[in-house]
C-alpha atoms as a PDB file:
ATOM      1  CA  MET A   1       0.000   0.000   0.000  1.00  0.00           C
ATOM      2  CA  ILE A   2       1.524   3.294  -1.126  1.00  0.00           C
ATOM      3  CA  ARG A   3       0.669   6.464   0.798  1.00  0.00           C
ATOM      4  CA  VAL A   4       2.138   9.709  -0.527  1.00  0.00           C
ATOM      5  CA  ALA A   5       1.413  13.315   0.408  1.00  0.00           C
ATOM      6  CA  ILE A   6       2.785  16.342  -1.360  1.00  0.00           C
ATOM      7  CA  THR A   7       2.958  19.719   0.300  1.00  0.00           C
ATOM      8  CA  GLY A   8       4.481  23.101  -0.367  1.00  0.00           C
ATOM      9  CA  ARG A   9       3.902  26.814  -0.430  1.00  0.00           C
ATOM     10  CA  PRO A  10       0.870  28.215  -2.271  1.00  0.00           C
ATOM     11  CA  GLY A  11       1.594  28.470  -5.981  1.00  0.00           C
ATOM     12  CA  CYS A  12       4.507  25.996  -5.896  1.00  0.00           C
ATOM     13  CA  GLY A  13       2.780  23.608  -8.299  1.00  0.00           C
ATOM     14  CA  LYS A  14       1.051  20.979  -6.128  1.00  0.00           C
ATOM     15  CA  THR A  15      -2.085  20.855  -8.267  1.00  0.00           C
ATOM     16  CA  THR A  16      -0.074  21.005 -11.488  1.00  0.00           C
ATOM     17  CA  LEU A  17       2.002  18.057 -10.296  1.00  0.00           C
ATOM     18  CA  ILE A  18      -1.097  16.069  -9.239  1.00  0.00           C
ATOM     19  CA  ARG A  19      -2.799  16.662 -12.589  1.00  0.00           C
ATOM     20  CA  LYS A  20       0.329  15.675 -14.502  1.00  0.00           C
ATOM     21  CA  VAL A  21       0.658  12.444 -12.485  1.00  0.00           C
ATOM     22  CA  VAL A  22      -3.052  11.649 -12.984  1.00  0.00           C
ATOM     23  CA  ARG A  23      -2.784  12.162 -16.763  1.00  0.00           C
ATOM     24  CA  ALA A  24       0.301   9.961 -16.954  1.00  0.00           C
ATOM     25  CA  LEU A  25      -1.173   7.137 -14.824  1.00  0.00           C
ATOM     26  CA  GLN A  26      -4.770   7.084 -16.143  1.00  0.00           C
ATOM     27  CA  PRO A  27      -4.242   4.887 -19.185  1.00  0.00           C
ATOM     28  CA  GLY A  28      -2.854   1.978 -17.134  1.00  0.00           C
ATOM     29  CA  LEU A  29      -4.134   2.508 -13.601  1.00  0.00           C
ATOM     30  CA  SER A  30      -7.677   2.725 -12.310  1.00  0.00           C
ATOM     31  CA  LEU A  31      -7.841   5.929 -10.302  1.00  0.00           C
ATOM     32  CA  GLY A  32     -10.336   8.403  -8.963  1.00  0.00           C
ATOM     33  CA  GLY A  33     -10.815  11.215  -6.498  1.00  0.00           C
ATOM     34  CA  ILE A  34     -10.731  14.980  -6.857  1.00  0.00           C
ATOM     35  CA  TYR A  35      -8.549  17.889  -7.778  1.00  0.00           C
ATOM     36  CA  THR A  36      -9.079  21.623  -7.536  1.00  0.00           C
ATOM     37  CA  GLU A  37      -8.651  24.408 -10.050  1.00  0.00           C
ATOM     38  CA  GLU A  38      -8.518  28.184  -9.695  1.00  0.00           C
ATOM     39  CA  ILE A  39     -11.366  30.314 -11.006  1.00  0.00           C
ATOM     40  CA  ARG A  40     -10.063  33.600 -12.369  1.00  0.00           C
ATOM     41  CA  GLU A  41     -11.711  36.711 -13.702  1.00  0.00           C
ATOM     42  CA  GLY A  42      -8.978  38.476 -15.587  1.00  0.00           C
ATOM     43  CA  ARG A  43      -5.958  38.489 -13.314  1.00  0.00           C
ATOM     44  CA  ALA A  44      -7.979  38.185 -10.102  1.00  0.00           C
ATOM     45  CA  ARG A  45      -8.557  34.827  -8.418  1.00  0.00           C
ATOM     46  CA  LYS A  46     -12.236  34.655  -7.488  1.00  0.00           C
ATOM     47  CA  GLY A  47     -12.537  31.089  -6.291  1.00  0.00           C
ATOM     48  CA  PHE A  48     -11.868  27.408  -6.795  1.00  0.00           C
ATOM     49  CA  ALA A  49     -13.583  24.626  -8.708  1.00  0.00           C
ATOM     50  CA  ILE A  50     -13.578  21.013  -7.602  1.00  0.00           C
ATOM     51  CA  ILE A  51     -13.380  18.279 -10.266  1.00  0.00           C
ATOM     52  CA  ASP A  52     -14.228  14.560 -10.030  1.00  0.00           C
ATOM     53  CA  ILE A  53     -11.290  12.803 -11.709  1.00  0.00           C
ATOM     54  CA  SER A  54     -13.366   9.808 -12.857  1.00  0.00           C
ATOM     55  CA  THR A  55     -16.296  11.673 -14.398  1.00  0.00           C
ATOM     56  CA  GLY A  56     -14.949  15.154 -15.107  1.00  0.00           C
ATOM     57  CA  ARG A  57     -17.942  16.577 -13.245  1.00  0.00           C
ATOM     58  CA  ARG A  58     -17.232  20.057 -11.879  1.00  0.00           C
ATOM     59  CA  GLY A  59     -18.514  21.905  -8.865  1.00  0.00           C
ATOM     60  CA  LEU A  60     -17.763  25.066  -6.961  1.00  0.00           C
ATOM     61  CA  LEU A  61     -15.469  24.618  -3.960  1.00  0.00           C
ATOM     62  CA  ALA A  62     -15.350  28.265  -2.877  1.00  0.00           C
ATOM     63  CA  HIS A  63     -15.901  31.725  -4.315  1.00  0.00           C
ATOM     64  CA  THR A  64     -15.801  35.358  -3.268  1.00  0.00           C
ATOM     65  CA  GLY A  65     -19.373  35.872  -4.481  1.00  0.00           C
ATOM     66  CA  LEU A  66     -21.183  33.104  -2.594  1.00  0.00           C
ATOM     67  CA  PRO A  67     -23.825  34.032  -0.005  1.00  0.00           C
ATOM     68  CA  SER A  68     -23.162  33.374   3.677  1.00  0.00           C
ATOM     69  CA  ALA A  69     -25.698  30.505   3.634  1.00  0.00           C
ATOM     70  CA  ALA A  70     -23.365  28.481   1.366  1.00  0.00           C
ATOM     71  CA  GLY A  71     -20.882  27.764   4.127  1.00  0.00           C
ATOM     72  CA  PRO A  72     -18.093  29.160   6.270  1.00  0.00           C
ATOM     73  CA  ARG A  73     -15.643  31.827   5.194  1.00  0.00           C
ATOM     74  CA  VAL A  74     -11.987  30.916   4.619  1.00  0.00           C
ATOM     75  CA  GLY A  75      -9.996  34.062   3.948  1.00  0.00           C
ATOM     76  CA  LYS A  76     -11.847  36.097   1.322  1.00  0.00           C
ATOM     77  CA  TYR A  77     -13.724  33.023   0.027  1.00  0.00           C
ATOM     78  CA  ARG A  78     -17.033  31.498   1.055  1.00  0.00           C
ATOM     79  CA  VAL A  79     -16.890  27.662   1.072  1.00  0.00           C
ATOM     80  CA  ASN A  80     -19.601  25.814  -0.870  1.00  0.00           C
ATOM     81  CA  LEU A  81     -20.419  22.896   1.446  1.00  0.00           C
ATOM     82  CA  LYS A  82     -23.132  21.626  -0.913  1.00  0.00           C
ATOM     83  CA  ASP A  83     -20.716  20.838  -3.768  1.00  0.00           C
ATOM     84  CA  ILE A  84     -18.089  19.408  -1.419  1.00  0.00           C
ATOM     85  CA  GLU A  85     -20.680  17.034  -0.011  1.00  0.00           C
ATOM     86  CA  GLU A  86     -22.491  16.257  -3.278  1.00  0.00           C
ATOM     87  CA  LEU A  87     -19.478  16.008  -5.593  1.00  0.00           C
ATOM     88  CA  ALA A  88     -16.203  15.567  -3.674  1.00  0.00           C
ATOM     89  CA  VAL A  89     -17.408  13.124  -1.022  1.00  0.00           C
ATOM     90  CA  PRO A  90     -19.100  10.753  -3.534  1.00  0.00           C
ATOM     91  CA  ALA A  91     -16.021  10.933  -5.803  1.00  0.00           C
ATOM     92  CA  ILE A  92     -13.832   9.835  -2.892  1.00  0.00           C
ATOM     93  CA  MET A  93     -16.208   7.071  -1.802  1.00  0.00           C
ATOM     94  CA  GLU A  94     -16.594   5.730  -5.366  1.00  0.00           C
ATOM     95  CA  ALA A  95     -12.826   5.675  -5.802  1.00  0.00           C
ATOM     96  CA  LEU A  96     -12.497   3.624  -2.628  1.00  0.00           C
ATOM     97  CA  LYS A  97     -14.835   0.977  -4.041  1.00  0.00           C
ATOM     98  CA  ALA A  98     -13.418   0.457  -7.482  1.00  0.00           C
ATOM     99  CA  LYS A  99     -10.081   2.172  -7.956  1.00  0.00           C
ATOM    100  CA  GLU A 100      -6.449   1.251  -7.390  1.00  0.00           C
ATOM    101  CA  LEU A 101      -5.412   4.827  -6.533  1.00  0.00           C
ATOM    102  CA  LEU A 102      -7.333   7.581  -4.749  1.00  0.00           C
ATOM    103  CA  VAL A 103      -6.164  11.150  -5.378  1.00  0.00           C
ATOM    104  CA  ILE A 104      -7.229  14.103  -3.232  1.00  0.00           C
ATOM    105  CA  ASP A 105      -6.075  17.609  -4.104  1.00  0.00           C
ATOM    106  CA  GLU A 106      -6.212  19.213  -1.635  1.00  0.00           C
ATOM    107  CA  LEU A 107      -6.645  18.769   2.098  1.00  0.00           C
ATOM    108  CA  ALA A 108      -6.899  22.371   3.219  1.00  0.00           C
ATOM    109  CA  PRO A 109      -9.232  24.531   5.339  1.00  0.00           C
ATOM    110  CA  MET A 110     -11.863  24.893   2.600  1.00  0.00           C
ATOM    111  CA  GLU A 111     -12.336  21.156   2.112  1.00  0.00           C
ATOM    112  CA  LEU A 112     -11.846  20.332   5.786  1.00  0.00           C
ATOM    113  CA  ALA A 113     -14.715  22.699   6.699  1.00  0.00           C
ATOM    114  CA  SER A 114     -17.038  19.838   5.734  1.00  0.00           C
ATOM    115  CA  PRO A 115     -17.457  17.119   8.381  1.00  0.00           C
ATOM    116  CA  LYS A 116     -18.619  14.754   5.596  1.00  0.00           C
ATOM    117  CA  PHE A 117     -15.399  15.413   3.664  1.00  0.00           C
ATOM    118  CA  VAL A 118     -13.381  14.670   6.812  1.00  0.00           C
ATOM    119  CA  GLU A 119     -15.304  11.384   7.219  1.00  0.00           C
ATOM    120  CA  ALA A 120     -14.577  10.444   3.588  1.00  0.00           C
ATOM    121  CA  VAL A 121     -10.861  11.098   4.087  1.00  0.00           C
ATOM    122  CA  GLU A 122     -10.911   9.026   7.274  1.00  0.00           C
ATOM    123  CA  ALA A 123     -12.532   6.188   5.275  1.00  0.00           C
ATOM    124  CA  ALA A 124      -9.713   6.510   2.748  1.00  0.00           C
ATOM    125  CA  LEU A 125      -7.127   6.287   5.516  1.00  0.00           C
ATOM    126  CA  ALA A 126      -8.789   3.102   6.810  1.00  0.00           C
ATOM    127  CA  SER A 127      -8.794   1.537   3.320  1.00  0.00           C
ATOM    128  CA  GLU A 128      -6.231  -0.604   1.516  1.00  0.00           C
ATOM    129  CA  CYS A 129      -6.246   1.803  -1.438  1.00  0.00           C
ATOM    130  CA  HIS A 130      -3.067   3.510  -2.663  1.00  0.00           C
ATOM    131  CA  LEU A 131      -3.348   7.205  -1.781  1.00  0.00           C
ATOM    132  CA  LEU A 132      -1.894  10.384  -3.274  1.00  0.00           C
ATOM    133  CA  PHE A 133      -2.884  13.539  -1.397  1.00  0.00           C
ATOM    134  CA  ALA A 134      -1.904  17.190  -1.538  1.00  0.00           C
ATOM    135  CA  VAL A 135      -1.876  18.715   1.945  1.00  0.00           C
ATOM    136  CA  GLN A 136      -1.743  22.427   2.709  1.00  0.00           C
ATOM    137  CA  GLU A 137       1.704  23.212   4.059  1.00  0.00           C
ATOM    138  CA  ARG A 138       0.633  24.978   7.263  1.00  0.00           C
ATOM    139  CA  SER A 139      -2.620  23.199   8.081  1.00  0.00           C
ATOM    140  CA  ALA A 140      -2.894  22.400  11.778  1.00  0.00           C
ATOM    141  CA  HIS A 141      -6.031  20.300  11.278  1.00  0.00           C
ATOM    142  CA  PRO A 142      -5.644  16.932  13.073  1.00  0.00           C
ATOM    143  CA  LEU A 143      -6.265  15.055   9.809  1.00  0.00           C
ATOM    144  CA  ALA A 144      -3.492  16.970   8.011  1.00  0.00           C
ATOM    145  CA  GLN A 145      -1.142  16.296  10.933  1.00  0.00           C
ATOM    146  CA  ARG A 146      -2.005  12.584  10.857  1.00  0.00           C
ATOM    147  CA  ILE A 147      -1.306  12.390   7.131  1.00  0.00           C
ATOM    148  CA  ARG A 148       2.059  14.098   7.606  1.00  0.00           C
ATOM    149  CA  ARG A 149       2.935  11.450  10.241  1.00  0.00           C
ATOM    150  CA  GLU A 150       1.673   8.396   8.358  1.00  0.00           C
ATOM    151  CA  PHE A 151       2.513   9.153   4.703  1.00  0.00           C
ATOM    152  CA  SER A 152       5.732   9.627   2.792  1.00  0.00           C
ATOM    153  CA  VAL A 153       5.739  13.432   2.453  1.00  0.00           C
ATOM    154  CA  TYR A 154       7.371  15.309  -0.421  1.00  0.00           C
ATOM    155  CA  GLU A 155       7.741  19.079  -0.463  1.00  0.00           C
ATOM    156  CA  VAL A 156       7.092  20.571  -3.887  1.00  0.00           C
ATOM    157  CA  THR A 157       9.175  23.512  -5.043  1.00  0.00           C
ATOM    158  CA  PRO A 158       9.455  25.069  -8.502  1.00  0.00           C
ATOM    159  CA  SER A 159      12.955  23.598  -8.794  1.00  0.00           C
ATOM    160  CA  ASN A 160      12.078  19.987  -7.860  1.00  0.00           C
ATOM    161  CA  ARG A 161       8.642  19.631  -9.506  1.00  0.00           C
ATOM    162  CA  ASP A 162       9.875  17.778 -12.592  1.00  0.00           C
ATOM    163  CA  GLY A 163      12.004  15.359 -10.582  1.00  0.00           C
ATOM    164  CA  LEU A 164       9.090  14.685  -8.215  1.00  0.00           C
ATOM    165  CA  PHE A 165       6.883  13.881 -11.193  1.00  0.00           C
ATOM    166  CA  GLN A 166       9.267  11.118 -12.262  1.00  0.00           C
ATOM    167  CA  GLU A 167       9.588   9.871  -8.679  1.00  0.00           C
ATOM    168  CA  LEU A 168       5.818   9.680  -8.167  1.00  0.00           C
ATOM    169  CA  LEU A 169       5.314   7.890 -11.483  1.00  0.00           C
ATOM    170  CA  ALA A 170       7.902   5.319 -10.467  1.00  0.00           C
ATOM    171  CA  LEU A 171       6.152   4.749  -7.123  1.00  0.00           C
ATOM    172  CA  PHE A 172       2.726   4.113  -8.638  1.00  0.00           C
ATOM    173  CA  THR A 173       3.731   2.070 -11.732  1.00  0.00           C
END
């Protein structure tokens, strides 16, 4: 059972690395889970989308324009608990049933604001599935701390991204 977490400063390329690994592994490996993507309006970041790796289905993770009823605030963003719980959680649970590798990008305050998301990650940790997670560098959440203790952790930097890609491919193939 392979358990890998990547971490690093914001903008270092964690999501880029995850997406590149997913694209490279998908033809030969059954995998599922989620990744995130920035939502920009011009040069301004307005929020984040969440994407189911298996289906390509997209939802809204967080946005500056969401009403307070959507969920808690994290920084300037309002978290969309509905899409986390209706898209991300099922994507994780489906991947646990039928996939060889579960990918979660990212375990950070926005996602961890959902108790159902936390439960899905705990189910993943209890599984025999290979896991590849991105974890926010400074998260003090108990789940993030547990992952840092139990997984092989790689710090992503702009200078080591390409080498880490090759290393991760070698681990999962």
